[in-house]
């Protein structure tokens, strides 16, 4: 769906939170360009989204990366946890439409 929006040049997809963390940390350490946006599912194998955030936020990244939590969870506890990472406004409940994806991408381009 994101590719269909026509607004994204490069997409990185990882199968679990640990893989995402390891690959993104390696990109940071090699001084390669990090993504501008991360769409993070909370329900991933090996490391869930919270474990990813706990570790990823420890990396001293200077560039702005916007993280959106994209999840099927509508629980108040998860929404409150998102607030702890200042991601309350970036909490999207699946399924999301192509128009919602375009809105998110347009906000980032501003």
PDB file of N, CA and C in Angstrom:
ATOM      1  N   UNK A   1       0.819  -1.187   0.000  1.00  0.00           N
ATOM      2  CA  UNK A   1       0.000   0.000   0.000  1.00  0.00           C
ATOM      3  C   UNK A   1       0.870   1.259   0.000  1.00  0.00           C
ATOM      4  N   UNK A   2       1.946   1.249   0.772  1.00  0.00           N
ATOM      5  CA  UNK A   2       2.827   2.412   0.810  1.00  0.00           C
ATOM      6  C   UNK A   2       3.462   2.629  -0.554  1.00  0.00           C
ATOM      7  N   UNK A   3       3.878   1.546  -1.191  1.00  0.00           N
ATOM      8  CA  UNK A   3       4.451   1.666  -2.526  1.00  0.00           C
ATOM      9  C   UNK A   3       3.429   2.230  -3.505  1.00  0.00           C
ATOM     10  N   UNK A   4       2.164   1.852  -3.344  1.00  0.00           N
ATOM     11  CA  UNK A   4       1.108   2.335  -4.229  1.00  0.00           C
ATOM     12  C   UNK A   4       0.875   3.831  -4.077  1.00  0.00           C
ATOM     13  N   UNK A   5       1.248   4.395  -2.946  1.00  0.00           N
ATOM     14  CA  UNK A   5       1.029   5.826  -2.738  1.00  0.00           C
ATOM     15  C   UNK A   5       1.865   6.654  -3.695  1.00  0.00           C
ATOM     16  N   UNK A   6       2.979   6.097  -4.174  1.00  0.00           N
ATOM     17  CA  UNK A   6       3.851   6.819  -5.082  1.00  0.00           C
ATOM     18  C   UNK A   6       4.651   7.918  -4.402  1.00  0.00           C
ATOM     19  N   UNK A   7       4.648   7.944  -3.084  1.00  0.00           N
ATOM     20  CA  UNK A   7       5.302   9.024  -2.344  1.00  0.00           C
ATOM     21  C   UNK A   7       6.582   8.568  -1.645  1.00  0.00           C
ATOM     22  N   UNK A   8       6.979   7.322  -1.856  1.00  0.00           N
ATOM     23  CA  UNK A   8       8.127   6.773  -1.147  1.00  0.00           C
ATOM     24  C   UNK A   8       9.116   6.207  -2.153  1.00  0.00           C
ATOM     25  N   UNK A   9      10.392   6.530  -1.957  1.00  0.00           N
ATOM     26  CA  UNK A   9      11.424   6.044  -2.865  1.00  0.00           C
ATOM     27  C   UNK A   9      11.996   4.695  -2.449  1.00  0.00           C
ATOM     28  N   UNK A  10      12.185   4.498  -1.150  1.00  0.00           N
ATOM     29  CA  UNK A  10      12.877   3.312  -0.677  1.00  0.00           C
ATOM     30  C   UNK A  10      12.183   2.784   0.573  1.00  0.00           C
ATOM     31  N   UNK A  11      11.894   1.509   0.593  1.00  0.00           N
ATOM     32  CA  UNK A  11      11.232   0.888   1.741  1.00  0.00           C
ATOM     33  C   UNK A  11      12.111  -0.245   2.257  1.00  0.00           C
ATOM     34  N   UNK A  12      12.335  -0.249   3.574  1.00  0.00           N
ATOM     35  CA  UNK A  12      13.042  -1.344   4.226  1.00  0.00           C
ATOM     36  C   UNK A  12      12.013  -2.096   5.058  1.00  0.00           C
ATOM     37  N   UNK A  13      11.980  -3.406   4.928  1.00  0.00           N
ATOM     38  CA  UNK A  13      11.030  -4.223   5.680  1.00  0.00           C
ATOM     39  C   UNK A  13      11.825  -5.247   6.485  1.00  0.00           C
ATOM     40  N   UNK A  14      11.480  -5.363   7.759  1.00  0.00           N
ATOM     41  CA  UNK A  14      12.140  -6.321   8.636  1.00  0.00           C
ATOM     42  C   UNK A  14      11.093  -7.250   9.229  1.00  0.00           C
ATOM     43  N   UNK A  15      11.491  -8.487   9.506  1.00  0.00           N
ATOM     44  CA  UNK A  15      10.546  -9.517   9.943  1.00  0.00           C
ATOM     45  C   UNK A  15      10.254  -9.502  11.434  1.00  0.00           C
ATOM     46  N   UNK A  16      11.136  -8.853  12.218  1.00  0.00           N
ATOM     47  CA  UNK A  16      10.920  -8.805  13.660  1.00  0.00           C
ATOM     48  C   UNK A  16      11.639  -7.595  14.242  1.00  0.00           C
ATOM     49  N   UNK A  17      11.328  -7.275  15.474  1.00  0.00           N
ATOM     50  CA  UNK A  17      11.885  -6.089  16.101  1.00  0.00           C
ATOM     51  C   UNK A  17      13.389  -6.142  16.289  1.00  0.00           C
ATOM     52  N   UNK A  18      13.920  -7.315  16.590  1.00  0.00           N
ATOM     53  CA  UNK A  18      15.366  -7.460  16.787  1.00  0.00           C
ATOM     54  C   UNK A  18      16.109  -7.238  15.485  1.00  0.00           C
ATOM     55  N   UNK A  19      15.607  -7.823  14.406  1.00  0.00           N
ATOM     56  CA  UNK A  19      16.234  -7.631  13.098  1.00  0.00           C
ATOM     57  C   UNK A  19      16.203  -6.150  12.715  1.00  0.00           C
ATOM     58  N   UNK A  20      15.078  -5.494  12.927  1.00  0.00           N
ATOM     59  CA  UNK A  20      14.965  -4.070  12.601  1.00  0.00           C
ATOM     60  C   UNK A  20      15.980  -3.259  13.391  1.00  0.00           C
ATOM     61  N   UNK A  21      16.067  -3.518  14.683  1.00  0.00           N
ATOM     62  CA  UNK A  21      17.021  -2.797  15.528  1.00  0.00           C
ATOM     63  C   UNK A  21      18.456  -3.025  15.046  1.00  0.00           C
ATOM     64  N   UNK A  22      18.825  -4.282  14.839  1.00  0.00           N
ATOM     65  CA  UNK A  22      20.197  -4.597  14.427  1.00  0.00           C
ATOM     66  C   UNK A  22      20.553  -3.919  13.108  1.00  0.00           C
ATOM     67  N   UNK A  23      19.660  -3.990  12.129  1.00  0.00           N
ATOM     68  CA  UNK A  23      19.947  -3.404  10.812  1.00  0.00           C
ATOM     69  C   UNK A  23      19.990  -1.879  10.882  1.00  0.00           C
ATOM     70  N   UNK A  24      19.049  -1.272  11.598  1.00  0.00           N
ATOM     71  CA  UNK A  24      19.038   0.190  11.693  1.00  0.00           C
ATOM     72  C   UNK A  24      20.226   0.705  12.500  1.00  0.00           C
ATOM     73  N   UNK A  25      20.617  -0.012  13.520  1.00  0.00           N
ATOM     74  CA  UNK A  25      21.802   0.391  14.288  1.00  0.00           C
ATOM     75  C   UNK A  25      23.046   0.301  13.409  1.00  0.00           C
ATOM     76  N   UNK A  26      23.150  -0.753  12.604  1.00  0.00           N
ATOM     77  CA  UNK A  26      24.288  -0.899  11.690  1.00  0.00           C
ATOM     78  C   UNK A  26      24.318   0.244  10.677  1.00  0.00           C
ATOM     79  N   UNK A  27      23.161   0.635  10.171  1.00  0.00           N
ATOM     80  CA  UNK A  27      23.090   1.770   9.242  1.00  0.00           C
ATOM     81  C   UNK A  27      23.582   3.033   9.936  1.00  0.00           C
ATOM     82  N   UNK A  28      23.138   3.254  11.169  1.00  0.00           N
ATOM     83  CA  UNK A  28      23.570   4.427  11.934  1.00  0.00           C
ATOM     84  C   UNK A  28      25.084   4.407  12.152  1.00  0.00           C
ATOM     85  N   UNK A  29      25.624   3.281  12.572  1.00  0.00           N
ATOM     86  CA  UNK A  29      27.056   3.177  12.865  1.00  0.00           C
ATOM     87  C   UNK A  29      27.919   3.329  11.620  1.00  0.00           C
ATOM     88  N   UNK A  30      27.384   2.971  10.459  1.00  0.00           N
ATOM     89  CA  UNK A  30      28.137   3.099   9.208  1.00  0.00           C
ATOM     90  C   UNK A  30      27.951   4.474   8.570  1.00  0.00           C
ATOM     91  N   UNK A  31      27.216   5.335   9.234  1.00  0.00           N
ATOM     92  CA  UNK A  31      26.949   6.703   8.758  1.00  0.00           C
ATOM     93  C   UNK A  31      26.146   6.743   7.467  1.00  0.00           C
ATOM     94  N   UNK A  32      25.468   5.654   7.160  1.00  0.00           N
ATOM     95  CA  UNK A  32      24.566   5.673   6.013  1.00  0.00           C
ATOM     96  C   UNK A  32      23.313   6.447   6.394  1.00  0.00           C
ATOM     97  N   UNK A  33      22.509   6.747   5.398  1.00  0.00           N
ATOM     98  CA  UNK A  33      21.301   7.530   5.638  1.00  0.00           C
ATOM     99  C   UNK A  33      20.222   6.673   6.292  1.00  0.00           C
ATOM    100  N   UNK A  34      19.777   7.119   7.455  1.00  0.00           N
ATOM    101  CA  UNK A  34      18.696   6.429   8.162  1.00  0.00           C
ATOM    102  C   UNK A  34      17.352   6.797   7.551  1.00  0.00           C
ATOM    103  N   UNK A  35      16.333   5.985   7.787  1.00  0.00           N
ATOM    104  CA  UNK A  35      15.009   6.322   7.249  1.00  0.00           C
ATOM    105  C   UNK A  35      14.447   7.577   7.918  1.00  0.00           C
ATOM    106  N   UNK A  36      13.581   8.262   7.205  1.00  0.00           N
ATOM    107  CA  UNK A  36      12.905   9.435   7.753  1.00  0.00           C
ATOM    108  C   UNK A  36      11.694   9.028   8.579  1.00  0.00           C
ATOM    109  N   UNK A  37      11.179   7.846   8.294  1.00  0.00           N
ATOM    110  CA  UNK A  37       9.969   7.372   8.968  1.00  0.00           C
ATOM    111  C   UNK A  37      10.111   5.887   9.284  1.00  0.00           C
ATOM    112  N   UNK A  38       9.577   5.501  10.421  1.00  0.00           N
ATOM    113  CA  UNK A  38       9.499   4.089  10.798  1.00  0.00           C
ATOM    114  C   UNK A  38       8.043   3.789  11.122  1.00  0.00           C
ATOM    115  N   UNK A  39       7.489   2.788  10.448  1.00  0.00           N
ATOM    116  CA  UNK A  39       6.159   2.276  10.777  1.00  0.00           C
ATOM    117  C   UNK A  39       6.398   1.032  11.621  1.00  0.00           C
ATOM    118  N   UNK A  40       6.006   1.101  12.868  1.00  0.00           N
ATOM    119  CA  UNK A  40       6.358   0.075  13.840  1.00  0.00           C
ATOM    120  C   UNK A  40       5.131  -0.688  14.308  1.00  0.00           C
ATOM    121  N   UNK A  41       5.137  -1.993  14.083  1.00  0.00           N
ATOM    122  CA  UNK A  41       4.073  -2.845  14.605  1.00  0.00           C
ATOM    123  C   UNK A  41       4.430  -3.224  16.038  1.00  0.00           C
ATOM    124  N   UNK A  42       3.463  -3.250  16.914  1.00  0.00           N
ATOM    125  CA  UNK A  42       3.726  -3.647  18.297  1.00  0.00           C
ATOM    126  C   UNK A  42       3.845  -5.154  18.441  1.00  0.00           C
ATOM    127  N   UNK A  43       3.138  -5.889  17.603  1.00  0.00           N
ATOM    128  CA  UNK A  43       3.067  -7.347  17.728  1.00  0.00           C
ATOM    129  C   UNK A  43       3.991  -8.021  16.724  1.00  0.00           C
ATOM    130  N   UNK A  44       5.290  -7.982  17.028  1.00  0.00           N
ATOM    131  CA  UNK A  44       6.284  -8.621  16.173  1.00  0.00           C
ATOM    132  C   UNK A  44       6.926  -9.769  16.943  1.00  0.00           C
ATOM    133  N   UNK A  45       7.439 -10.767  16.220  1.00  0.00           N
ATOM    134  CA  UNK A  45       8.137 -11.851  16.911  1.00  0.00           C
ATOM    135  C   UNK A  45       9.522 -11.404  17.390  1.00  0.00           C
ATOM    136  N   UNK A  46      10.112 -12.193  18.224  1.00  0.00           N
ATOM    137  CA  UNK A  46      11.438 -12.034  18.824  1.00  0.00           C
ATOM    138  C   UNK A  46      11.481 -10.802  19.722  1.00  0.00           C
ATOM    139  N   UNK A  47      11.434  -9.605  19.168  1.00  0.00           N
ATOM    140  CA  UNK A  47      11.271  -8.375  19.952  1.00  0.00           C
ATOM    141  C   UNK A  47       9.982  -7.734  19.491  1.00  0.00           C
ATOM    142  N   UNK A  48       9.116  -7.382  20.419  1.00  0.00           N
ATOM    143  CA  UNK A  48       7.913  -6.648  20.021  1.00  0.00           C
ATOM    144  C   UNK A  48       8.270  -5.174  19.828  1.00  0.00           C
ATOM    145  N   UNK A  49       7.289  -4.380  19.479  1.00  0.00           N
ATOM    146  CA  UNK A  49       7.527  -2.965  19.222  1.00  0.00           C
ATOM    147  C   UNK A  49       8.070  -2.212  20.420  1.00  0.00           C
ATOM    148  N   UNK A  50       7.621  -2.585  21.615  1.00  0.00           N
ATOM    149  CA  UNK A  50       8.100  -1.902  22.823  1.00  0.00           C
ATOM    150  C   UNK A  50       9.573  -2.205  23.074  1.00  0.00           C
ATOM    151  N   UNK A  51       9.977  -3.450  22.873  1.00  0.00           N
ATOM    152  CA  UNK A  51      11.391  -3.797  23.044  1.00  0.00           C
ATOM    153  C   UNK A  51      12.248  -3.049  22.027  1.00  0.00           C
ATOM    154  N   UNK A  52      11.747  -2.965  20.784  1.00  0.00           N
ATOM    155  CA  UNK A  52      12.461  -2.206  19.757  1.00  0.00           C
ATOM    156  C   UNK A  52      12.632  -0.758  20.198  1.00  0.00           C
ATOM    157  N   UNK A  53      11.545  -0.126  20.639  1.00  0.00           N
ATOM    158  CA  UNK A  53      11.618   1.276  21.063  1.00  0.00           C
ATOM    159  C   UNK A  53      12.547   1.469  22.250  1.00  0.00           C
ATOM    160  N   UNK A  54      12.490   0.561  23.213  1.00  0.00           N
ATOM    161  CA  UNK A  54      13.374   0.663  24.377  1.00  0.00           C
ATOM    162  C   UNK A  54      14.836   0.742  23.955  1.00  0.00           C
ATOM    163  N   UNK A  55      15.221  -0.082  23.008  1.00  0.00           N
ATOM    164  CA  UNK A  55      16.622  -0.121  22.574  1.00  0.00           C
ATOM    165  C   UNK A  55      16.939   0.956  21.541  1.00  0.00           C
ATOM    166  N   UNK A  56      16.045   1.167  20.591  1.00  0.00           N
ATOM    167  CA  UNK A  56      16.309   2.123  19.507  1.00  0.00           C
ATOM    168  C   UNK A  56      16.456   3.542  20.042  1.00  0.00           C
ATOM    169  N   UNK A  57      15.690   3.887  21.056  1.00  0.00           N
ATOM    170  CA  UNK A  57      15.767   5.246  21.599  1.00  0.00           C
ATOM    171  C   UNK A  57      17.064   5.492  22.371  1.00  0.00           C
ATOM    172  N   UNK A  58      17.845   4.466  22.617  1.00  0.00           N
ATOM    173  CA  UNK A  58      19.153   4.625  23.271  1.00  0.00           C
ATOM    174  C   UNK A  58      20.253   5.012  22.281  1.00  0.00           C
ATOM    175  N   UNK A  59      20.005   4.830  20.990  1.00  0.00           N
ATOM    176  CA  UNK A  59      21.003   5.165  19.970  1.00  0.00           C
ATOM    177  C   UNK A  59      21.036   6.689  19.834  1.00  0.00           C
ATOM    178  N   UNK A  60      22.215   7.304  19.895  1.00  0.00           N
ATOM    179  CA  UNK A  60      22.304   8.774  19.851  1.00  0.00           C
ATOM    180  C   UNK A  60      22.150   9.348  18.438  1.00  0.00           C
ATOM    181  N   UNK A  61      20.985   9.172  17.880  1.00  0.00           N
ATOM    182  CA  UNK A  61      20.706   9.634  16.519  1.00  0.00           C
ATOM    183  C   UNK A  61      20.416  11.131  16.555  1.00  0.00           C
ATOM    184  N   UNK A  62      21.085  11.873  15.676  1.00  0.00           N
ATOM    185  CA  UNK A  62      20.915  13.327  15.641  1.00  0.00           C
ATOM    186  C   UNK A  62      19.848  13.767  14.633  1.00  0.00           C
ATOM    187  N   UNK A  63      19.641  12.968  13.594  1.00  0.00           N
ATOM    188  CA  UNK A  63      18.650  13.328  12.580  1.00  0.00           C
ATOM    189  C   UNK A  63      17.249  12.964  13.056  1.00  0.00           C
ATOM    190  N   UNK A  64      16.265  13.650  12.503  1.00  0.00           N
ATOM    191  CA  UNK A  64      14.878  13.410  12.905  1.00  0.00           C
ATOM    192  C   UNK A  64      14.336  12.164  12.204  1.00  0.00           C
ATOM    193  N   UNK A  65      13.839  11.254  12.996  1.00  0.00           N
ATOM    194  CA  UNK A  65      13.142  10.079  12.480  1.00  0.00           C
ATOM    195  C   UNK A  65      11.761  10.082  13.115  1.00  0.00           C
ATOM    196  N   UNK A  66      10.746  10.077  12.287  1.00  0.00           N
ATOM    197  CA  UNK A  66       9.377  10.040  12.790  1.00  0.00           C
ATOM    198  C   UNK A  66       8.944   8.587  12.892  1.00  0.00           C
ATOM    199  N   UNK A  67       8.500   8.198  14.068  1.00  0.00           N
ATOM    200  CA  UNK A  67       8.052   6.823  14.288  1.00  0.00           C
ATOM    201  C   UNK A  67       6.539   6.822  14.453  1.00  0.00           C
ATOM    202  N   UNK A  68       5.883   5.982  13.674  1.00  0.00           N
ATOM    203  CA  UNK A  68       4.448   5.751  13.807  1.00  0.00           C
ATOM    204  C   UNK A  68       4.247   4.327  14.291  1.00  0.00           C
ATOM    205  N   UNK A  69       3.447   4.180  15.313  1.00  0.00           N
ATOM    206  CA  UNK A  69       3.049   2.851  15.753  1.00  0.00           C
ATOM    207  C   UNK A  69       1.843   2.461  14.909  1.00  0.00           C
ATOM    208  N   UNK A  70       1.985   1.376  14.189  1.00  0.00           N
ATOM    209  CA  UNK A  70       0.945   0.874  13.299  1.00  0.00           C
ATOM    210  C   UNK A  70       0.561  -0.499  13.828  1.00  0.00           C
ATOM    211  N   UNK A  71      -0.608  -0.595  14.453  1.00  0.00           N
ATOM    212  CA  UNK A  71      -0.933  -1.811  15.190  1.00  0.00           C
ATOM    213  C   UNK A  71      -2.420  -2.136  15.138  1.00  0.00           C
ATOM    214  N   UNK A  72      -2.737  -3.361  15.443  1.00  0.00           N
ATOM    215  CA  UNK A  72      -4.141  -3.760  15.566  1.00  0.00           C
ATOM    216  C   UNK A  72      -4.640  -3.545  16.991  1.00  0.00           C
ATOM    217  N   UNK A  73      -3.738  -3.169  17.899  1.00  0.00           N
ATOM    218  CA  UNK A  73      -4.101  -3.003  19.308  1.00  0.00           C
ATOM    219  C   UNK A  73      -4.815  -1.679  19.555  1.00  0.00           C
ATOM    220  N   UNK A  74      -5.994  -1.783  20.131  1.00  0.00           N
ATOM    221  CA  UNK A  74      -6.767  -0.600  20.502  1.00  0.00           C
ATOM    222  C   UNK A  74      -6.775  -0.433  22.027  1.00  0.00           C
ATOM    223  N   UNK A  75      -5.827  -1.075  22.714  1.00  0.00           N
ATOM    224  CA  UNK A  75      -5.836  -1.061  24.178  1.00  0.00           C
ATOM    225  C   UNK A  75      -5.354   0.281  24.723  1.00  0.00           C
ATOM    226  N   UNK A  76      -5.983   0.706  25.796  1.00  0.00           N
ATOM    227  CA  UNK A  76      -5.597   1.963  26.447  1.00  0.00           C
ATOM    228  C   UNK A  76      -4.176   1.867  26.990  1.00  0.00           C
ATOM    229  N   UNK A  77      -3.792   0.696  27.467  1.00  0.00           N
ATOM    230  CA  UNK A  77      -2.437   0.512  27.996  1.00  0.00           C
ATOM    231  C   UNK A  77      -1.387   0.777  26.915  1.00  0.00           C
ATOM    232  N   UNK A  78      -1.619   0.250  25.707  1.00  0.00           N
ATOM    233  CA  UNK A  78      -0.676   0.486  24.614  1.00  0.00           C
ATOM    234  C   UNK A  78      -0.649   1.962  24.227  1.00  0.00           C
ATOM    235  N   UNK A  79      -1.811   2.594  24.208  1.00  0.00           N
ATOM    236  CA  UNK A  79      -1.855   4.026  23.879  1.00  0.00           C
ATOM    237  C   UNK A  79      -1.110   4.848  24.932  1.00  0.00           C
ATOM    238  N   UNK A  80      -1.241   4.476  26.199  1.00  0.00           N
ATOM    239  CA  UNK A  80      -0.518   5.168  27.272  1.00  0.00           C
ATOM    240  C   UNK A  80       0.988   4.934  27.146  1.00  0.00           C
ATOM    241  N   UNK A  81       1.379   3.712  26.802  1.00  0.00           N
ATOM    242  CA  UNK A  81       2.803   3.434  26.579  1.00  0.00           C
ATOM    243  C   UNK A  81       3.348   4.271  25.430  1.00  0.00           C
ATOM    244  N   UNK A  82       2.557   4.448  24.385  1.00  0.00           N
ATOM    245  CA  UNK A  82       2.982   5.275  23.253  1.00  0.00           C
ATOM    246  C   UNK A  82       3.267   6.703  23.710  1.00  0.00           C
ATOM    247  N   UNK A  83       2.459   7.199  24.628  1.00  0.00           N
ATOM    248  CA  UNK A  83       2.664   8.554  25.165  1.00  0.00           C
ATOM    249  C   UNK A  83       4.019   8.668  25.858  1.00  0.00           C
ATOM    250  N   UNK A  84       4.469   7.607  26.494  1.00  0.00           N
ATOM    251  CA  UNK A  84       5.766   7.627  27.185  1.00  0.00           C
ATOM    252  C   UNK A  84       6.915   7.874  26.210  1.00  0.00           C
ATOM    253  N   UNK A  85       6.713   7.506  24.955  1.00  0.00           N
ATOM    254  CA  UNK A  85       7.713   7.728  23.912  1.00  0.00           C
ATOM    255  C   UNK A  85       7.372   8.962  23.070  1.00  0.00           C
ATOM    256  N   UNK A  86       6.412   9.747  23.525  1.00  0.00           N
ATOM    257  CA  UNK A  86       5.914  10.914  22.775  1.00  0.00           C
ATOM    258  C   UNK A  86       5.358  10.514  21.413  1.00  0.00           C
ATOM    259  N   UNK A  87       4.724   9.365  21.358  1.00  0.00           N
ATOM    260  CA  UNK A  87       4.163   8.862  20.106  1.00  0.00           C
ATOM    261  C   UNK A  87       2.643   8.750  20.156  1.00  0.00           C
ATOM    262  N   UNK A  88       2.026   9.398  21.111  1.00  0.00           N
ATOM    263  CA  UNK A  88       0.577   9.298  21.239  1.00  0.00           C
ATOM    264  C   UNK A  88      -0.165   9.742  19.994  1.00  0.00           C
ATOM    265  N   UNK A  89       0.305  10.802  19.374  1.00  0.00           N
ATOM    266  CA  UNK A  89      -0.325  11.293  18.148  1.00  0.00           C
ATOM    267  C   UNK A  89       0.052  10.486  16.930  1.00  0.00           C
ATOM    268  N   UNK A  90       0.997   9.579  17.090  1.00  0.00           N
ATOM    269  CA  UNK A  90       1.468   8.753  15.988  1.00  0.00           C
ATOM    270  C   UNK A  90       1.052   7.296  16.172  1.00  0.00           C
ATOM    271  N   UNK A  91      -0.122   7.094  16.719  1.00  0.00           N
ATOM    272  CA  UNK A  91      -0.633   5.755  17.007  1.00  0.00           C
ATOM    273  C   UNK A  91      -1.750   5.466  16.015  1.00  0.00           C
ATOM    274  N   UNK A  92      -1.497   4.578  15.073  1.00  0.00           N
ATOM    275  CA  UNK A  92      -2.460   4.254  14.023  1.00  0.00           C
ATOM    276  C   UNK A  92      -2.943   2.822  14.199  1.00  0.00           C
ATOM    277  N   UNK A  93      -4.250   2.653  14.150  1.00  0.00           N
ATOM    278  CA  UNK A  93      -4.836   1.323  14.329  1.00  0.00           C
ATOM    279  C   UNK A  93      -5.151   0.714  12.965  1.00  0.00           C
ATOM    280  N   UNK A  94      -4.631  -0.507  12.755  1.00  0.00           N
ATOM    281  CA  UNK A  94      -4.871  -1.226  11.502  1.00  0.00           C
ATOM    282  C   UNK A  94      -6.299  -1.752  11.469  1.00  0.00           C
ATOM    283  N   UNK A  95      -6.841  -1.929  10.304  1.00  0.00           N
ATOM    284  CA  UNK A  95      -6.254  -1.619   9.005  1.00  0.00           C
ATOM    285  C   UNK A  95      -6.352  -0.123   8.707  1.00  0.00           C
ATOM    286  N   UNK A  96      -5.389   0.371   7.950  1.00  0.00           N
ATOM    287  CA  UNK A  96      -5.435   1.776   7.557  1.00  0.00           C
ATOM    288  C   UNK A  96      -5.591   1.854   6.044  1.00  0.00           C
ATOM    289  N   UNK A  97      -6.159   2.942   5.600  1.00  0.00           N
ATOM    290  CA  UNK A  97      -6.450   3.110   4.177  1.00  0.00           C
ATOM    291  C   UNK A  97      -5.279   3.783   3.460  1.00  0.00           C
ATOM    292  N   UNK A  98      -5.326   3.751   2.150  1.00  0.00           N
ATOM    293  CA  UNK A  98      -4.324   4.426   1.338  1.00  0.00           C
ATOM    294  C   UNK A  98      -4.335   5.925   1.628  1.00  0.00           C
ATOM    295  N   UNK A  99      -5.517   6.498   1.834  1.00  0.00           N
ATOM    296  CA  UNK A  99      -5.600   7.931   2.151  1.00  0.00           C
ATOM    297  C   UNK A  99      -4.915   8.248   3.474  1.00  0.00           C
ATOM    298  N   UNK A 100      -5.054   7.364   4.465  1.00  0.00           N
ATOM    299  CA  UNK A 100      -4.368   7.584   5.748  1.00  0.00           C
ATOM    300  C   UNK A 100      -2.854   7.522   5.571  1.00  0.00           C
ATOM    301  N   UNK A 101      -2.381   6.595   4.757  1.00  0.00           N
ATOM    302  CA  UNK A 101      -0.943   6.502   4.473  1.00  0.00           C
ATOM    303  C   UNK A 101      -0.471   7.783   3.802  1.00  0.00           C
ATOM    304  N   UNK A 102      -1.224   8.266   2.828  1.00  0.00           N
ATOM    305  CA  UNK A 102      -0.842   9.503   2.136  1.00  0.00           C
ATOM    306  C   UNK A 102      -0.812  10.684   3.098  1.00  0.00           C
ATOM    307  N   UNK A 103      -1.750  10.734   4.033  1.00  0.00           N
ATOM    308  CA  UNK A 103      -1.774  11.814   5.028  1.00  0.00           C
ATOM    309  C   UNK A 103      -0.530  11.763   5.899  1.00  0.00           C
ATOM    310  N   UNK A 104      -0.165  10.578   6.353  1.00  0.00           N
ATOM    311  CA  UNK A 104       1.037  10.413   7.181  1.00  0.00           C
ATOM    312  C   UNK A 104       2.269  10.864   6.407  1.00  0.00           C
ATOM    313  N   UNK A 105       2.404  10.417   5.167  1.00  0.00           N
ATOM    314  CA  UNK A 105       3.571  10.769   4.369  1.00  0.00           C
ATOM    315  C   UNK A 105       3.611  12.263   4.069  1.00  0.00           C
ATOM    316  N   UNK A 106       2.455  12.863   3.833  1.00  0.00           N
ATOM    317  CA  UNK A 106       2.403  14.307   3.578  1.00  0.00           C
ATOM    318  C   UNK A 106       2.824  15.094   4.815  1.00  0.00           C
ATOM    319  N   UNK A 107       2.431  14.648   5.991  1.00  0.00           N
ATOM    320  CA  UNK A 107       2.826  15.318   7.236  1.00  0.00           C
ATOM    321  C   UNK A 107       4.335  15.290   7.410  1.00  0.00           C
ATOM    322  N   UNK A 108       4.946  14.209   7.030  1.00  0.00           N
ATOM    323  CA  UNK A 108       6.390  14.071   7.194  1.00  0.00           C
ATOM    324  C   UNK A 108       7.133  14.987   6.231  1.00  0.00           C
ATOM    325  N   UNK A 109       6.589  15.183   5.038  1.00  0.00           N
ATOM    326  CA  UNK A 109       7.248  16.033   4.049  1.00  0.00           C
ATOM    327  C   UNK A 109       7.251  17.498   4.450  1.00  0.00           C
ATOM    328  N   UNK A 110       6.397  17.895   5.380  1.00  0.00           N
ATOM    329  CA  UNK A 110       6.343  19.305   5.801  1.00  0.00           C
ATOM    330  C   UNK A 110       7.541  19.711   6.574  1.00  0.00           C
TER     331      UNK A 110
END
